[in-house]
Each structure stands twice: as structure tokens, then as C-alpha cells.
Amino acid sequence: MTDITKIVENAGPQTTKHGADRWPSVYQTHRRADVLADLHFVEWFSGATLPSYWSILEKAGSNTSGMSDEVDGGYFITTGTAGSSRRYIYFNNIDPFSNLNSVTDMVIRCTSNIESNMSSGLMSDPSAAENRNEIKMRQDVNFGIFFNLTTGSGSTETTTASAITADTIAHHFALIQTPSAAFLRADGQFAVTKTNNLSDTKMQPFFSMQKRTSNPGGKTGHITFLEAFNT
């Protein structure tokens, strides 16, 4: 067994008698040993099938989804052709993330800005009616061709648009929830700050794709990464 001769106080690498720098543990790569870690979830959407802790919710219409057979395709949802067709993946109403202090990161892509509504973030119950407790990034033709921040307080859902024009390539989004405000970052830049209609209960990760009208063809969204943690 290697003898540890020095531990950096802030959980930096350890120096061993063999001269190698090693982390003391995976835990301490993120937290000091004397600081309790909050819940932290990471999903890479890789492999042959979606992990079983995700559930699929067919909200409307006849939709398809699965692991994408393309480079950096992740998990895809393709809507049916009928208007309002929609599918979710979610935690089946297991809600481990705080409405007061949490962060959600995701990498998502919508293949069309026409008649599409793609969203991802945290939500209380996707099977419930609209105006749920939620914080999400929304690329929705009904709110203009922009990246939007939507929050819901259980009775009222409102959306604030960013100044960033939405497109059909992948982007990294971060949602930051605090007791007094919600924030959206897009590719590392602050995009929206919102202080009204904040969630008042715990939430779960989700990804959703919807077709807005009955124009021909389904609509497809991809998610390749999702990370959520309490702060």
C-alpha cells in the first residue's frame, strides 16, 4: 500500500513516497474531506440503451426515441406527425433536486426551428397540466426563434427570451436556481436572469420534444449530456 506523505488542504493532489501525484479519492476531487457533498447526477447518454432510471412519458401523439446511431448523437426524441405530439424522458416523479439551490447543465440540439418546442432542465411532474414547478431552457417557435428561460411556480408559468438567436447545432446550457432568481447561461455566457414565478418545490431532470402544428413531418431533438447537482 502506498504511504501518503502529504495531503493538500484543498483536496489537491497528494504526493507519495514514490513521487507520484495522486488524488486521495474521487470525493476529494470535488469536495474537501471535511465538507459534505450534495447530491450530484451526471448522464452522458452513451451506450446502446437509455438507463432504466429514466422513464418515458408519451404526453401526446405517437413518438419515437432511442440512442442515436450517429457521432455525438446521444439520445434522440422524434415526434409524431400530428400537432402537439410530445414525449418526455424523466425520473418518474423522483424529485431529488432543490428549488432553492441547484444547477443543471445540458448539451442539447434541435434539428429544426420550424414548429418545434424542445426543452430540458428540472421539473416537478411532466404528466401534470401546464404551469408546473420548473426551470428549463426552451427553444420554442411559440416564443420566437431564441433560447428562452422558462420558470413555473406551480400555478403560473412564464418565459423570458434571451437575445441569442436559436439555431440547429448543439449548445451547452446551464440553469442556476437560487432562492431569489433563476439564470440561464448559453455556451458560457449569461443569457437571461429571471426573478418571477420561481419553483416552490423540489424537481427532477427531464428532456422533452414537441411538435407544435400538424404540418408534415416529425421534429427531432438530441441530448448528449445532462448534469444536475444541489449547491
C-alpha atoms as a PDB file:
ATOM      1  CA  MET A   1       0.000   0.000   0.000  1.00  0.00           C
ATOM      2  CA  THR A   2       1.294   3.460  -0.890  1.00  0.00           C
ATOM      3  CA  ASP A   3       2.269   5.670   2.055  1.00  0.00           C
ATOM      4  CA  ILE A   4       0.798   9.143   1.807  1.00  0.00           C
ATOM      5  CA  THR A   5       3.214  11.805   2.992  1.00  0.00           C
ATOM      6  CA  LYS A   6       1.294  14.969   2.230  1.00  0.00           C
ATOM      7  CA  ILE A   7      -2.321  15.976   1.707  1.00  0.00           C
ATOM      8  CA  VAL A   8      -3.047  19.362   0.212  1.00  0.00           C
ATOM      9  CA  GLU A   9      -5.670  21.071   2.371  1.00  0.00           C
ATOM     10  CA  ASN A  10      -7.973  21.992  -0.510  1.00  0.00           C
ATOM     11  CA  ALA A  11      -8.091  18.391  -1.750  1.00  0.00           C
ATOM     12  CA  GLY A  12      -5.372  18.892  -4.323  1.00  0.00           C
ATOM     13  CA  PRO A  13      -3.137  16.028  -5.442  1.00  0.00           C
ATOM     14  CA  GLN A  14      -1.252  14.019  -2.847  1.00  0.00           C
ATOM     15  CA  THR A  15       2.484  13.404  -3.057  1.00  0.00           C
ATOM     16  CA  THR A  16       3.506   9.831  -2.332  1.00  0.00           C
ATOM     17  CA  LYS A  17       6.879   8.411  -1.395  1.00  0.00           C
ATOM     18  CA  HIS A  18       7.109   7.119  -4.962  1.00  0.00           C
ATOM     19  CA  GLY A  19       6.986  10.671  -6.308  1.00  0.00           C
ATOM     20  CA  ALA A  20       3.585  10.322  -7.985  1.00  0.00           C
ATOM     21  CA  ASP A  21       0.824  12.889  -7.556  1.00  0.00           C
ATOM     22  CA  ARG A  22      -2.475  11.182  -6.782  1.00  0.00           C
ATOM     23  CA  TRP A  23      -5.941  12.311  -5.774  1.00  0.00           C
ATOM     24  CA  PRO A  24      -6.855  10.974  -2.327  1.00  0.00           C
ATOM     25  CA  SER A  25     -10.315   9.901  -3.582  1.00  0.00           C
ATOM     26  CA  VAL A  26     -12.897  10.731  -6.209  1.00  0.00           C
ATOM     27  CA  TYR A  27     -14.865  12.505  -3.464  1.00  0.00           C
ATOM     28  CA  GLN A  28     -11.991  14.871  -2.784  1.00  0.00           C
ATOM     29  CA  THR A  29     -11.594  15.839  -6.415  1.00  0.00           C
ATOM     30  CA  HIS A  30     -14.835  17.786  -5.903  1.00  0.00           C
ATOM     31  CA  ARG A  31     -15.004  18.479  -2.159  1.00  0.00           C
ATOM     32  CA  ARG A  32     -12.680  18.821   0.783  1.00  0.00           C
ATOM     33  CA  ALA A  33     -12.806  15.789   3.029  1.00  0.00           C
ATOM     34  CA  ASP A  34     -14.475  17.789   5.800  1.00  0.00           C
ATOM     35  CA  VAL A  35     -17.242  19.214   3.547  1.00  0.00           C
ATOM     36  CA  LEU A  36     -20.372  17.136   2.919  1.00  0.00           C
ATOM     37  CA  ALA A  37     -21.156  16.721  -0.764  1.00  0.00           C
ATOM     38  CA  ASP A  38     -24.618  17.496  -2.076  1.00  0.00           C
ATOM     39  CA  LEU A  39     -26.427  15.186  -4.484  1.00  0.00           C
ATOM     40  CA  HIS A  40     -24.730  15.136  -7.894  1.00  0.00           C
ATOM     41  CA  PHE A  41     -26.063  13.392 -11.020  1.00  0.00           C
ATOM     42  CA  VAL A  42     -24.308  13.030 -14.403  1.00  0.00           C
ATOM     43  CA  GLU A  43     -25.693  11.407 -17.559  1.00  0.00           C
ATOM     44  CA  TRP A  44     -23.650  11.058 -20.762  1.00  0.00           C
ATOM     45  CA  PHE A  45     -26.371   9.416 -22.897  1.00  0.00           C
ATOM     46  CA  SER A  46     -23.931   6.896 -24.296  1.00  0.00           C
ATOM     47  CA  GLY A  47     -24.279   3.167 -24.823  1.00  0.00           C
ATOM     48  CA  ALA A  48     -26.891   1.001 -26.510  1.00  0.00           C
ATOM     49  CA  THR A  49     -29.961   1.830 -24.403  1.00  0.00           C
ATOM     50  CA  LEU A  50     -31.270   4.513 -22.081  1.00  0.00           C
ATOM     51  CA  PRO A  51     -30.518   3.626 -18.427  1.00  0.00           C
ATOM     52  CA  SER A  52     -33.510   2.199 -16.571  1.00  0.00           C
ATOM     53  CA  TYR A  53     -33.717   5.043 -14.022  1.00  0.00           C
ATOM     54  CA  TRP A  54     -35.119   7.190 -16.847  1.00  0.00           C
ATOM     55  CA  SER A  55     -38.819   6.812 -17.671  1.00  0.00           C
ATOM     56  CA  ILE A  56     -40.551   7.691 -20.931  1.00  0.00           C
ATOM     57  CA  LEU A  57     -43.762   9.715 -20.878  1.00  0.00           C
ATOM     58  CA  GLU A  58     -45.896   9.801 -24.011  1.00  0.00           C
ATOM     59  CA  LYS A  59     -47.612  13.131 -23.469  1.00  0.00           C
ATOM     60  CA  ALA A  60     -49.435  13.226 -26.806  1.00  0.00           C
ATOM     61  CA  GLY A  61     -49.308  11.564 -30.200  1.00  0.00           C
ATOM     62  CA  SER A  62     -47.169   8.655 -31.378  1.00  0.00           C
ATOM     63  CA  ASN A  63     -43.464   9.452 -30.960  1.00  0.00           C
ATOM     64  CA  THR A  64     -40.156   7.586 -31.156  1.00  0.00           C
ATOM     65  CA  SER A  65     -36.892   7.854 -29.242  1.00  0.00           C
ATOM     66  CA  GLY A  66     -33.684   5.974 -28.559  1.00  0.00           C
ATOM     67  CA  MET A  67     -29.910   6.089 -28.608  1.00  0.00           C
ATOM     68  CA  SER A  68     -28.779   7.821 -31.781  1.00  0.00           C
ATOM     69  CA  ASP A  69     -26.610   5.932 -34.273  1.00  0.00           C
ATOM     70  CA  GLU A  70     -24.508   8.945 -35.187  1.00  0.00           C
ATOM     71  CA  VAL A  71     -21.410  10.723 -33.883  1.00  0.00           C
ATOM     72  CA  ASP A  72     -22.314  12.781 -30.795  1.00  0.00           C
ATOM     73  CA  GLY A  73     -25.983  11.937 -31.316  1.00  0.00           C
ATOM     74  CA  GLY A  74     -26.722  10.989 -27.713  1.00  0.00           C
ATOM     75  CA  TYR A  75     -30.392  10.278 -27.082  1.00  0.00           C
ATOM     76  CA  PHE A  76     -32.999  11.498 -29.557  1.00  0.00           C
ATOM     77  CA  ILE A  77     -36.743  12.093 -29.490  1.00  0.00           C
ATOM     78  CA  THR A  78     -38.622  12.374 -32.775  1.00  0.00           C
ATOM     79  CA  THR A  79     -42.222  13.495 -32.520  1.00  0.00           C
ATOM     80  CA  GLY A  80     -45.147  12.082 -34.420  1.00  0.00           C
ATOM     81  CA  THR A  81     -46.610  13.998 -37.325  1.00  0.00           C
ATOM     82  CA  ALA A  82     -49.765  15.120 -35.510  1.00  0.00           C
ATOM     83  CA  GLY A  83     -49.867  18.576 -33.993  1.00  0.00           C
ATOM     84  CA  SER A  84     -48.917  18.760 -30.268  1.00  0.00           C
ATOM     85  CA  SER A  85     -47.177  15.340 -30.377  1.00  0.00           C
ATOM     86  CA  ARG A  86     -44.807  15.218 -27.407  1.00  0.00           C
ATOM     87  CA  ARG A  87     -42.560  12.830 -25.478  1.00  0.00           C
ATOM     88  CA  TYR A  88     -40.557  13.260 -22.258  1.00  0.00           C
ATOM     89  CA  ILE A  89     -37.812  11.375 -20.503  1.00  0.00           C
ATOM     90  CA  TYR A  90     -37.784  11.989 -16.750  1.00  0.00           C
ATOM     91  CA  PHE A  91     -37.207  10.361 -13.326  1.00  0.00           C
ATOM     92  CA  ASN A  92     -40.786   9.070 -12.938  1.00  0.00           C
ATOM     93  CA  ASN A  93     -41.520  11.734 -10.308  1.00  0.00           C
ATOM     94  CA  ILE A  94     -38.484  11.112  -8.111  1.00  0.00           C
ATOM     95  CA  ASP A  95     -37.511  14.709  -7.307  1.00  0.00           C
ATOM     96  CA  PRO A  96     -34.050  14.952  -5.711  1.00  0.00           C
ATOM     97  CA  PHE A  97     -33.056  18.479  -6.746  1.00  0.00           C
ATOM     98  CA  SER A  98     -33.649  21.690  -4.844  1.00  0.00           C
ATOM     99  CA  ASN A  99     -35.855  24.551  -5.989  1.00  0.00           C
ATOM    100  CA  LEU A 100     -33.695  26.889  -3.896  1.00  0.00           C
ATOM    101  CA  ASN A 101     -30.096  25.976  -4.697  1.00  0.00           C
ATOM    102  CA  SER A 102     -29.314  23.802  -7.705  1.00  0.00           C
ATOM    103  CA  VAL A 103     -27.505  23.803 -11.044  1.00  0.00           C
ATOM    104  CA  THR A 104     -28.377  21.901 -14.221  1.00  0.00           C
ATOM    105  CA  ASP A 105     -26.095  21.631 -17.243  1.00  0.00           C
ATOM    106  CA  MET A 106     -27.091  20.069 -20.546  1.00  0.00           C
ATOM    107  CA  VAL A 107     -25.921  19.759 -24.130  1.00  0.00           C
ATOM    108  CA  ILE A 108     -28.912  19.663 -26.466  1.00  0.00           C
ATOM    109  CA  ARG A 109     -29.737  20.208 -30.133  1.00  0.00           C
ATOM    110  CA  CYS A 110     -32.972  20.809 -32.024  1.00  0.00           C
ATOM    111  CA  THR A 111     -32.793  19.859 -35.704  1.00  0.00           C
ATOM    112  CA  SER A 112     -35.432  22.390 -36.773  1.00  0.00           C
ATOM    113  CA  ASN A 113     -36.626  25.822 -35.695  1.00  0.00           C
ATOM    114  CA  ILE A 114     -39.914  25.333 -37.565  1.00  0.00           C
ATOM    115  CA  GLU A 115     -42.922  24.256 -35.466  1.00  0.00           C
ATOM    116  CA  SER A 116     -40.634  22.796 -32.766  1.00  0.00           C
ATOM    117  CA  ASN A 117     -40.600  23.004 -28.978  1.00  0.00           C
ATOM    118  CA  MET A 118     -37.542  21.455 -27.302  1.00  0.00           C
ATOM    119  CA  SER A 119     -36.898  21.873 -23.577  1.00  0.00           C
ATOM    120  CA  SER A 120     -34.719  20.481 -20.801  1.00  0.00           C
ATOM    121  CA  GLY A 121     -33.941  21.232 -17.179  1.00  0.00           C
ATOM    122  CA  LEU A 122     -35.738  20.448 -13.912  1.00  0.00           C
ATOM    123  CA  MET A 123     -39.485  19.930 -13.448  1.00  0.00           C
ATOM    124  CA  SER A 124     -41.816  18.633 -10.736  1.00  0.00           C
ATOM    125  CA  ASP A 125     -44.198  16.394 -12.743  1.00  0.00           C
ATOM    126  CA  PRO A 126     -44.227  16.258 -16.554  1.00  0.00           C
ATOM    127  CA  SER A 127     -47.515  14.343 -16.539  1.00  0.00           C
ATOM    128  CA  ALA A 128     -49.346  17.224 -14.836  1.00  0.00           C
ATOM    129  CA  ALA A 129     -51.030  20.096 -16.636  1.00  0.00           C
ATOM    130  CA  GLU A 130     -49.041  23.150 -17.673  1.00  0.00           C
ATOM    131  CA  ASN A 131     -47.835  25.711 -15.094  1.00  0.00           C
ATOM    132  CA  ARG A 132     -45.738  23.138 -13.225  1.00  0.00           C
ATOM    133  CA  ASN A 133     -42.873  23.854 -10.877  1.00  0.00           C
ATOM    134  CA  GLU A 134     -39.928  24.060 -13.230  1.00  0.00           C
ATOM    135  CA  ILE A 135     -36.798  25.715 -14.530  1.00  0.00           C
ATOM    136  CA  LYS A 136     -35.927  24.922 -18.133  1.00  0.00           C
ATOM    137  CA  MET A 137     -34.202  26.040 -21.294  1.00  0.00           C
ATOM    138  CA  ARG A 138     -36.808  26.310 -24.022  1.00  0.00           C
ATOM    139  CA  GLN A 139     -36.321  26.507 -27.788  1.00  0.00           C
ATOM    140  CA  ASP A 140     -39.915  27.026 -28.821  1.00  0.00           C
ATOM    141  CA  VAL A 141     -41.309  28.541 -32.015  1.00  0.00           C
ATOM    142  CA  ASN A 142     -44.231  29.951 -29.977  1.00  0.00           C
ATOM    143  CA  PHE A 143     -41.772  32.253 -28.171  1.00  0.00           C
ATOM    144  CA  GLY A 144     -39.715  33.336 -31.179  1.00  0.00           C
ATOM    145  CA  ILE A 145     -36.531  31.812 -32.534  1.00  0.00           C
ATOM    146  CA  PHE A 146     -34.469  32.430 -29.400  1.00  0.00           C
ATOM    147  CA  PHE A 147     -33.074  30.495 -26.462  1.00  0.00           C
ATOM    148  CA  ASN A 148     -35.548  31.092 -23.628  1.00  0.00           C
ATOM    149  CA  LEU A 149     -35.673  30.628 -19.857  1.00  0.00           C
ATOM    150  CA  THR A 150     -38.982  29.315 -18.505  1.00  0.00           C
ATOM    151  CA  THR A 151     -39.860  29.023 -14.816  1.00  0.00           C
ATOM    152  CA  GLY A 152     -43.031  27.834 -13.142  1.00  0.00           C
ATOM    153  CA  SER A 153     -44.311  28.243  -9.609  1.00  0.00           C
ATOM    154  CA  GLY A 154     -46.975  25.546  -9.704  1.00  0.00           C
ATOM    155  CA  SER A 155     -49.730  27.964 -10.687  1.00  0.00           C
ATOM    156  CA  THR A 156     -48.083  30.267 -13.223  1.00  0.00           C
ATOM    157  CA  GLU A 157     -45.515  29.563 -15.940  1.00  0.00           C
ATOM    158  CA  THR A 158     -43.683  32.440 -17.646  1.00  0.00           C
ATOM    159  CA  THR A 159     -40.926  32.641 -20.249  1.00  0.00           C
ATOM    160  CA  THR A 160     -38.221  35.230 -20.839  1.00  0.00           C
ATOM    161  CA  ALA A 161     -36.359  35.264 -24.141  1.00  0.00           C
ATOM    162  CA  SER A 162     -32.634  35.804 -24.436  1.00  0.00           C
ATOM    163  CA  ALA A 163     -31.051  37.918 -27.154  1.00  0.00           C
ATOM    164  CA  ILE A 164     -29.411  34.806 -28.637  1.00  0.00           C
ATOM    165  CA  THR A 165     -30.942  33.520 -31.859  1.00  0.00           C
ATOM    166  CA  ALA A 166     -31.637  29.803 -31.746  1.00  0.00           C
ATOM    167  CA  ASP A 167     -30.172  27.505 -34.391  1.00  0.00           C
ATOM    168  CA  THR A 168     -29.920  23.793 -35.147  1.00  0.00           C
ATOM    169  CA  ILE A 169     -26.479  22.949 -33.734  1.00  0.00           C
ATOM    170  CA  ALA A 170     -25.617  21.637 -30.276  1.00  0.00           C
ATOM    171  CA  HIS A 171     -25.164  24.095 -27.401  1.00  0.00           C
ATOM    172  CA  HIS A 172     -24.199  23.877 -23.740  1.00  0.00           C
ATOM    173  CA  PHE A 173     -26.770  25.422 -21.412  1.00  0.00           C
ATOM    174  CA  ALA A 174     -26.618  25.924 -17.656  1.00  0.00           C
ATOM    175  CA  LEU A 175     -29.601  26.641 -15.406  1.00  0.00           C
ATOM    176  CA  ILE A 176     -28.843  28.129 -11.990  1.00  0.00           C
ATOM    177  CA  GLN A 177     -31.589  28.171  -9.359  1.00  0.00           C
ATOM    178  CA  THR A 178     -31.261  30.334  -6.239  1.00  0.00           C
ATOM    179  CA  PRO A 179     -33.864  31.333  -3.630  1.00  0.00           C
ATOM    180  CA  SER A 180     -34.407  34.701  -5.315  1.00  0.00           C
ATOM    181  CA  ALA A 181     -33.604  34.226  -9.004  1.00  0.00           C
ATOM    182  CA  ALA A 182     -33.119  31.825 -11.901  1.00  0.00           C
ATOM    183  CA  PHE A 183     -30.389  32.199 -14.505  1.00  0.00           C
ATOM    184  CA  LEU A 184     -29.717  30.791 -17.967  1.00  0.00           C
ATOM    185  CA  ARG A 185     -26.222  30.561 -19.402  1.00  0.00           C
ATOM    186  CA  ALA A 186     -25.635  29.658 -23.049  1.00  0.00           C
ATOM    187  CA  ASP A 187     -22.185  28.434 -24.083  1.00  0.00           C
ATOM    188  CA  GLY A 188     -20.660  30.048 -21.008  1.00  0.00           C
ATOM    189  CA  GLN A 189     -22.351  33.445 -21.329  1.00  0.00           C
ATOM    190  CA  PHE A 190     -25.144  34.743 -19.107  1.00  0.00           C
ATOM    191  CA  ALA A 191     -28.255  34.948 -21.285  1.00  0.00           C
ATOM    192  CA  VAL A 192     -31.286  35.511 -19.012  1.00  0.00           C
ATOM    193  CA  THR A 193     -31.971  36.469 -15.401  1.00  0.00           C
ATOM    194  CA  LYS A 194     -35.481  35.837 -14.078  1.00  0.00           C
ATOM    195  CA  THR A 195     -36.935  36.622 -10.650  1.00  0.00           C
ATOM    196  CA  ASN A 196     -40.671  35.852 -11.034  1.00  0.00           C
ATOM    197  CA  ASN A 197     -42.645  32.591 -10.891  1.00  0.00           C
ATOM    198  CA  LEU A 198     -39.812  30.558  -9.382  1.00  0.00           C
ATOM    199  CA  SER A 199     -40.378  26.928  -8.461  1.00  0.00           C
ATOM    200  CA  ASP A 200     -41.603  26.322  -4.910  1.00  0.00           C
ATOM    201  CA  THR A 201     -40.872  22.590  -4.663  1.00  0.00           C
ATOM    202  CA  LYS A 202     -38.176  20.016  -5.454  1.00  0.00           C
ATOM    203  CA  MET A 203     -37.734  18.823  -9.039  1.00  0.00           C
ATOM    204  CA  GLN A 204     -36.310  16.139 -11.367  1.00  0.00           C
ATOM    205  CA  PRO A 205     -34.284  16.229 -14.607  1.00  0.00           C
ATOM    206  CA  PHE A 206     -36.115  15.923 -17.917  1.00  0.00           C
ATOM    207  CA  PHE A 207     -35.779  16.299 -21.683  1.00  0.00           C
ATOM    208  CA  SER A 208     -38.732  16.885 -23.999  1.00  0.00           C
ATOM    209  CA  MET A 209     -39.546  17.323 -27.673  1.00  0.00           C
ATOM    210  CA  GLN A 210     -42.856  18.592 -29.063  1.00  0.00           C
ATOM    211  CA  LYS A 211     -44.296  19.366 -32.492  1.00  0.00           C
ATOM    212  CA  ARG A 212     -46.470  22.462 -32.425  1.00  0.00           C
ATOM    213  CA  THR A 213     -48.706  22.007 -35.508  1.00  0.00           C
ATOM    214  CA  SER A 214     -49.820  19.312 -37.919  1.00  0.00           C
ATOM    215  CA  ASN A 215     -47.569  20.418 -40.786  1.00  0.00           C
ATOM    216  CA  PRO A 216     -45.904  17.395 -42.461  1.00  0.00           C
ATOM    217  CA  GLY A 217     -43.086  15.567 -40.713  1.00  0.00           C
ATOM    218  CA  GLY A 218     -41.942  14.974 -37.147  1.00  0.00           C
ATOM    219  CA  LYS A 219     -39.470  17.088 -35.172  1.00  0.00           C
ATOM    220  CA  THR A 220     -36.278  15.779 -33.579  1.00  0.00           C
ATOM    221  CA  GLY A 221     -34.253  16.862 -30.570  1.00  0.00           C
ATOM    222  CA  HIS A 222     -30.999  15.381 -29.214  1.00  0.00           C
ATOM    223  CA  ILE A 223     -29.472  15.416 -25.729  1.00  0.00           C
ATOM    224  CA  THR A 224     -25.869  14.280 -25.242  1.00  0.00           C
ATOM    225  CA  PHE A 225     -25.174  15.365 -21.657  1.00  0.00           C
ATOM    226  CA  LEU A 226     -27.073  16.301 -18.509  1.00  0.00           C
ATOM    227  CA  GLU A 227     -25.650  17.124 -15.092  1.00  0.00           C
ATOM    228  CA  ALA A 228     -27.665  18.235 -12.073  1.00  0.00           C
ATOM    229  CA  PHE A 229     -26.493  18.975  -8.529  1.00  0.00           C
ATOM    230  CA  ASN A 230     -27.593  20.760  -5.392  1.00  0.00           C
ATOM    231  CA  THR A 231     -25.437  23.603  -4.110  1.00  0.00           C
END
